[in-house]
Amino acid sequence: MDMLQLSSAVKIAIVFSGIYLWVGMLTGVWKYAQIRQSELARAHYYVDIAHRSSLLYAPATLILAVLAYFSALPHTLNLLFVIINLFFFSFSILSYVLHGFLADTTNQFKVPHVLGKWHLPKWMMSMVMLGLVIGELIATLGLLFGVIVKFWF
């Protein structure tokens, strides 16, 4: 049986899509357990966000795999673009899980920014969000550009 030759970028994106799906399922169990134990039948805000975001990042990561597969850009550049997105997707999910586990906030953007017992400086949250926005937008645009170049030029 002849298998498709997939680049590292595509393989990594497919694997992480599965990881995000699995994390979504695990956080779904966690969410259900909290709902069952709650008088209001609700899970902690960030447990719910961790569950939903994991399930949303799973198909988003498959889209990244498809974009990387069809991109005309060099494999190393496609890999870099995929890794940038995966870094920020993973970072976001982990921060949601951490806030859900610590039950320290219902709004990570509320000042002061809380992480467990610590208060994070406002500049730190701003820099992380700026990096996330710029990183994800540029990396995804790069993959999309690679596809457009391949299909129309």
C-alpha atoms as a PDB file:
ATOM      1  CA  MET A   1       0.000   0.000   0.000  1.00  0.00           C
ATOM      2  CA  ASP A   2       1.453   3.319  -1.079  1.00  0.00           C
ATOM      3  CA  MET A   3       1.154   5.943   1.651  1.00  0.00           C
ATOM      4  CA  LEU A   4       1.168   9.668   1.037  1.00  0.00           C
ATOM      5  CA  GLN A   5       4.449  11.352   1.768  1.00  0.00           C
ATOM      6  CA  LEU A   6       3.595  13.919   4.416  1.00  0.00           C
ATOM      7  CA  SER A   7       5.879  16.713   5.580  1.00  0.00           C
ATOM      8  CA  SER A   8       6.790  17.152   9.228  1.00  0.00           C
ATOM      9  CA  ALA A   9       4.485  20.180   9.419  1.00  0.00           C
ATOM     10  CA  VAL A  10       1.489  18.134   8.289  1.00  0.00           C
ATOM     11  CA  LYS A  11       2.321  15.173  10.546  1.00  0.00           C
ATOM     12  CA  ILE A  12       2.793  17.356  13.620  1.00  0.00           C
ATOM     13  CA  ALA A  13      -0.444  19.248  12.955  1.00  0.00           C
ATOM     14  CA  ILE A  14      -2.385  15.980  12.583  1.00  0.00           C
ATOM     15  CA  VAL A  15      -0.926  14.590  15.822  1.00  0.00           C
ATOM     16  CA  PHE A  16      -1.696  17.783  17.733  1.00  0.00           C
ATOM     17  CA  SER A  17      -5.212  17.806  16.341  1.00  0.00           C
ATOM     18  CA  GLY A  18      -5.672  14.395  17.945  1.00  0.00           C
ATOM     19  CA  ILE A  19      -4.080  15.591  21.182  1.00  0.00           C
ATOM     20  CA  TYR A  20      -6.422  18.586  21.340  1.00  0.00           C
ATOM     21  CA  LEU A  21      -9.409  16.337  20.686  1.00  0.00           C
ATOM     22  CA  TRP A  22      -8.298  13.986  23.470  1.00  0.00           C
ATOM     23  CA  VAL A  23      -7.715  16.901  25.874  1.00  0.00           C
ATOM     24  CA  GLY A  24     -11.184  18.154  24.958  1.00  0.00           C
ATOM     25  CA  MET A  25     -12.610  14.780  25.905  1.00  0.00           C
ATOM     26  CA  LEU A  26     -10.674  14.664  29.185  1.00  0.00           C
ATOM     27  CA  THR A  27     -11.723  18.178  30.122  1.00  0.00           C
ATOM     28  CA  GLY A  28     -15.272  17.199  29.181  1.00  0.00           C
ATOM     29  CA  VAL A  29     -15.150  14.450  31.814  1.00  0.00           C
ATOM     30  CA  TRP A  30     -13.754  16.968  34.298  1.00  0.00           C
ATOM     31  CA  LYS A  31     -16.501  19.425  33.362  1.00  0.00           C
ATOM     32  CA  TYR A  32     -19.196  16.767  33.800  1.00  0.00           C
ATOM     33  CA  ALA A  33     -17.800  15.755  37.202  1.00  0.00           C
ATOM     34  CA  GLN A  34     -17.921  19.383  38.353  1.00  0.00           C
ATOM     35  CA  ILE A  35     -21.456  19.804  37.009  1.00  0.00           C
ATOM     36  CA  ARG A  36     -22.562  16.719  38.943  1.00  0.00           C
ATOM     37  CA  GLN A  37     -21.051  18.043  42.177  1.00  0.00           C
ATOM     38  CA  SER A  38     -22.337  21.601  41.805  1.00  0.00           C
ATOM     39  CA  GLU A  39     -25.601  22.761  43.328  1.00  0.00           C
ATOM     40  CA  LEU A  40     -26.044  25.025  40.286  1.00  0.00           C
ATOM     41  CA  ALA A  41     -25.108  22.216  37.864  1.00  0.00           C
ATOM     42  CA  ARG A  42     -22.160  24.234  36.543  1.00  0.00           C
ATOM     43  CA  ALA A  43     -18.481  23.619  36.079  1.00  0.00           C
ATOM     44  CA  HIS A  44     -15.859  26.245  36.839  1.00  0.00           C
ATOM     45  CA  TYR A  45     -15.714  28.881  34.111  1.00  0.00           C
ATOM     46  CA  TYR A  46     -12.205  27.933  32.961  1.00  0.00           C
ATOM     47  CA  VAL A  47     -12.901  24.198  33.022  1.00  0.00           C
ATOM     48  CA  ASP A  48     -15.676  24.941  30.532  1.00  0.00           C
ATOM     49  CA  ILE A  49     -13.368  27.152  28.452  1.00  0.00           C
ATOM     50  CA  ALA A  50     -10.601  24.521  28.468  1.00  0.00           C
ATOM     51  CA  HIS A  51     -13.099  21.924  27.256  1.00  0.00           C
ATOM     52  CA  ARG A  52     -14.549  24.058  24.474  1.00  0.00           C
ATOM     53  CA  SER A  53     -11.272  25.552  23.286  1.00  0.00           C
ATOM     54  CA  SER A  54      -9.622  22.129  23.049  1.00  0.00           C
ATOM     55  CA  LEU A  55     -12.486  20.868  20.925  1.00  0.00           C
ATOM     56  CA  LEU A  56     -12.276  23.970  18.701  1.00  0.00           C
ATOM     57  CA  TYR A  57      -8.489  23.839  18.324  1.00  0.00           C
ATOM     58  CA  ALA A  58      -8.675  20.202  17.139  1.00  0.00           C
ATOM     59  CA  PRO A  59     -10.354  20.984  13.783  1.00  0.00           C
ATOM     60  CA  ALA A  60      -8.474  24.300  13.505  1.00  0.00           C
ATOM     61  CA  THR A  61      -5.245  22.308  13.669  1.00  0.00           C
ATOM     62  CA  LEU A  62      -6.472  19.967  10.932  1.00  0.00           C
ATOM     63  CA  ILE A  63      -7.038  23.050   8.784  1.00  0.00           C
ATOM     64  CA  LEU A  64      -3.434  24.061   9.481  1.00  0.00           C
ATOM     65  CA  ALA A  65      -2.366  20.572   8.347  1.00  0.00           C
ATOM     66  CA  VAL A  66      -4.275  20.968   5.087  1.00  0.00           C
ATOM     67  CA  LEU A  67      -2.825  24.437   4.505  1.00  0.00           C
ATOM     68  CA  ALA A  68       0.695  23.134   5.175  1.00  0.00           C
ATOM     69  CA  TYR A  69       0.094  20.172   2.847  1.00  0.00           C
ATOM     70  CA  PHE A  70      -0.923  22.379  -0.078  1.00  0.00           C
ATOM     71  CA  SER A  71       1.457  25.282   0.612  1.00  0.00           C
ATOM     72  CA  ALA A  72       4.053  26.175  -2.027  1.00  0.00           C
ATOM     73  CA  LEU A  73       6.389  27.540   0.653  1.00  0.00           C
ATOM     74  CA  PRO A  74       9.498  25.646   1.800  1.00  0.00           C
ATOM     75  CA  HIS A  75       8.832  22.822   4.262  1.00  0.00           C
ATOM     76  CA  THR A  76      10.843  24.504   7.011  1.00  0.00           C
ATOM     77  CA  LEU A  77       8.762  27.670   6.742  1.00  0.00           C
ATOM     78  CA  ASN A  78       5.515  25.674   6.804  1.00  0.00           C
ATOM     79  CA  LEU A  79       6.810  23.806   9.848  1.00  0.00           C
ATOM     80  CA  LEU A  80       7.645  27.082  11.577  1.00  0.00           C
ATOM     81  CA  PHE A  81       4.171  28.467  10.851  1.00  0.00           C
ATOM     82  CA  VAL A  82       2.489  25.313  12.185  1.00  0.00           C
ATOM     83  CA  ILE A  83       4.665  25.263  15.317  1.00  0.00           C
ATOM     84  CA  ILE A  84       3.924  28.926  16.079  1.00  0.00           C
ATOM     85  CA  ASN A  85       0.190  28.202  15.983  1.00  0.00           C
ATOM     86  CA  LEU A  86       0.541  24.999  18.009  1.00  0.00           C
ATOM     87  CA  PHE A  87       2.608  26.804  20.629  1.00  0.00           C
ATOM     88  CA  PHE A  88      -0.066  29.433  21.184  1.00  0.00           C
ATOM     89  CA  PHE A  89      -2.965  26.952  20.964  1.00  0.00           C
ATOM     90  CA  SER A  90      -1.267  24.731  23.554  1.00  0.00           C
ATOM     91  CA  PHE A  91      -0.329  27.680  25.760  1.00  0.00           C
ATOM     92  CA  SER A  92      -3.952  28.871  25.744  1.00  0.00           C
ATOM     93  CA  ILE A  93      -5.373  25.461  26.618  1.00  0.00           C
ATOM     94  CA  LEU A  94      -2.819  24.966  29.399  1.00  0.00           C
ATOM     95  CA  SER A  95      -3.602  28.380  30.878  1.00  0.00           C
ATOM     96  CA  TYR A  96      -7.326  27.556  30.862  1.00  0.00           C
ATOM     97  CA  VAL A  97      -6.710  24.189  32.501  1.00  0.00           C
ATOM     98  CA  LEU A  98      -4.497  25.845  35.118  1.00  0.00           C
ATOM     99  CA  HIS A  99      -7.104  28.498  35.935  1.00  0.00           C
ATOM    100  CA  GLY A 100      -9.763  25.772  36.078  1.00  0.00           C
ATOM    101  CA  PHE A 101      -7.631  23.652  38.411  1.00  0.00           C
ATOM    102  CA  LEU A 102      -6.722  26.574  40.660  1.00  0.00           C
ATOM    103  CA  ALA A 103     -10.221  28.103  40.448  1.00  0.00           C
ATOM    104  CA  ASP A 104      -8.442  31.422  40.903  1.00  0.00           C
ATOM    105  CA  THR A 105     -10.395  33.615  38.484  1.00  0.00           C
ATOM    106  CA  THR A 106     -13.355  33.745  36.154  1.00  0.00           C
ATOM    107  CA  ASN A 107     -11.660  36.361  33.971  1.00  0.00           C
ATOM    108  CA  GLN A 108      -7.932  36.130  33.320  1.00  0.00           C
ATOM    109  CA  PHE A 109      -7.975  39.632  31.816  1.00  0.00           C
ATOM    110  CA  LYS A 110      -9.338  41.250  34.975  1.00  0.00           C
ATOM    111  CA  VAL A 111      -6.748  43.406  36.746  1.00  0.00           C
ATOM    112  CA  PRO A 112      -4.929  42.350  38.812  1.00  0.00           C
ATOM    113  CA  HIS A 113      -4.078  39.327  36.674  1.00  0.00           C
ATOM    114  CA  VAL A 114      -4.156  36.346  39.002  1.00  0.00           C
ATOM    115  CA  LEU A 115      -2.371  33.016  38.748  1.00  0.00           C
ATOM    116  CA  GLY A 116      -2.999  31.068  41.913  1.00  0.00           C
ATOM    117  CA  LYS A 117      -1.574  33.131  44.788  1.00  0.00           C
ATOM    118  CA  TRP A 118       0.432  35.391  42.487  1.00  0.00           C
ATOM    119  CA  HIS A 119      -0.439  38.600  40.723  1.00  0.00           C
ATOM    120  CA  LEU A 120       1.070  38.931  37.262  1.00  0.00           C
ATOM    121  CA  PRO A 121       2.188  42.334  36.003  1.00  0.00           C
ATOM    122  CA  LYS A 122      -0.182  43.954  33.527  1.00  0.00           C
ATOM    123  CA  TRP A 123       2.621  44.324  30.962  1.00  0.00           C
ATOM    124  CA  MET A 124       3.206  40.563  31.027  1.00  0.00           C
ATOM    125  CA  MET A 125      -0.377  39.754  30.066  1.00  0.00           C
ATOM    126  CA  SER A 126      -0.286  42.440  27.378  1.00  0.00           C
ATOM    127  CA  MET A 127       2.946  41.063  25.894  1.00  0.00           C
ATOM    128  CA  VAL A 128       1.646  37.474  25.893  1.00  0.00           C
ATOM    129  CA  MET A 129      -1.575  38.506  24.169  1.00  0.00           C
ATOM    130  CA  LEU A 130       0.280  40.670  21.648  1.00  0.00           C
ATOM    131  CA  GLY A 131       2.601  37.751  20.868  1.00  0.00           C
ATOM    132  CA  LEU A 132      -0.342  35.388  20.524  1.00  0.00           C
ATOM    133  CA  VAL A 133      -2.273  37.689  18.203  1.00  0.00           C
ATOM    134  CA  ILE A 134       0.684  38.570  16.004  1.00  0.00           C
ATOM    135  CA  GLY A 135       2.070  35.025  15.997  1.00  0.00           C
ATOM    136  CA  GLU A 136      -1.171  33.279  15.102  1.00  0.00           C
ATOM    137  CA  LEU A 137      -2.223  35.849  12.498  1.00  0.00           C
ATOM    138  CA  ILE A 138       1.137  35.940  10.703  1.00  0.00           C
ATOM    139  CA  ALA A 139       1.703  32.183  10.866  1.00  0.00           C
ATOM    140  CA  THR A 140      -1.755  31.388   9.525  1.00  0.00           C
ATOM    141  CA  LEU A 141      -1.490  34.084   6.871  1.00  0.00           C
ATOM    142  CA  GLY A 142       1.837  32.569   5.819  1.00  0.00           C
ATOM    143  CA  LEU A 143       0.270  29.146   5.325  1.00  0.00           C
ATOM    144  CA  LEU A 144      -2.684  30.662   3.486  1.00  0.00           C
ATOM    145  CA  PHE A 145      -0.325  32.663   1.267  1.00  0.00           C
ATOM    146  CA  GLY A 146       1.545  29.445   0.444  1.00  0.00           C
ATOM    147  CA  VAL A 147      -1.703  27.810  -0.676  1.00  0.00           C
ATOM    148  CA  ILE A 148      -2.768  30.801  -2.758  1.00  0.00           C
ATOM    149  CA  VAL A 149       0.627  30.862  -4.475  1.00  0.00           C
ATOM    150  CA  LYS A 150       0.388  27.153  -5.264  1.00  0.00           C
ATOM    151  CA  PHE A 151      -3.166  27.302  -6.612  1.00  0.00           C
ATOM    152  CA  TRP A 152      -3.068  30.543  -8.598  1.00  0.00           C
ATOM    153  CA  PHE A 153       0.535  31.423  -9.446  1.00  0.00           C
END
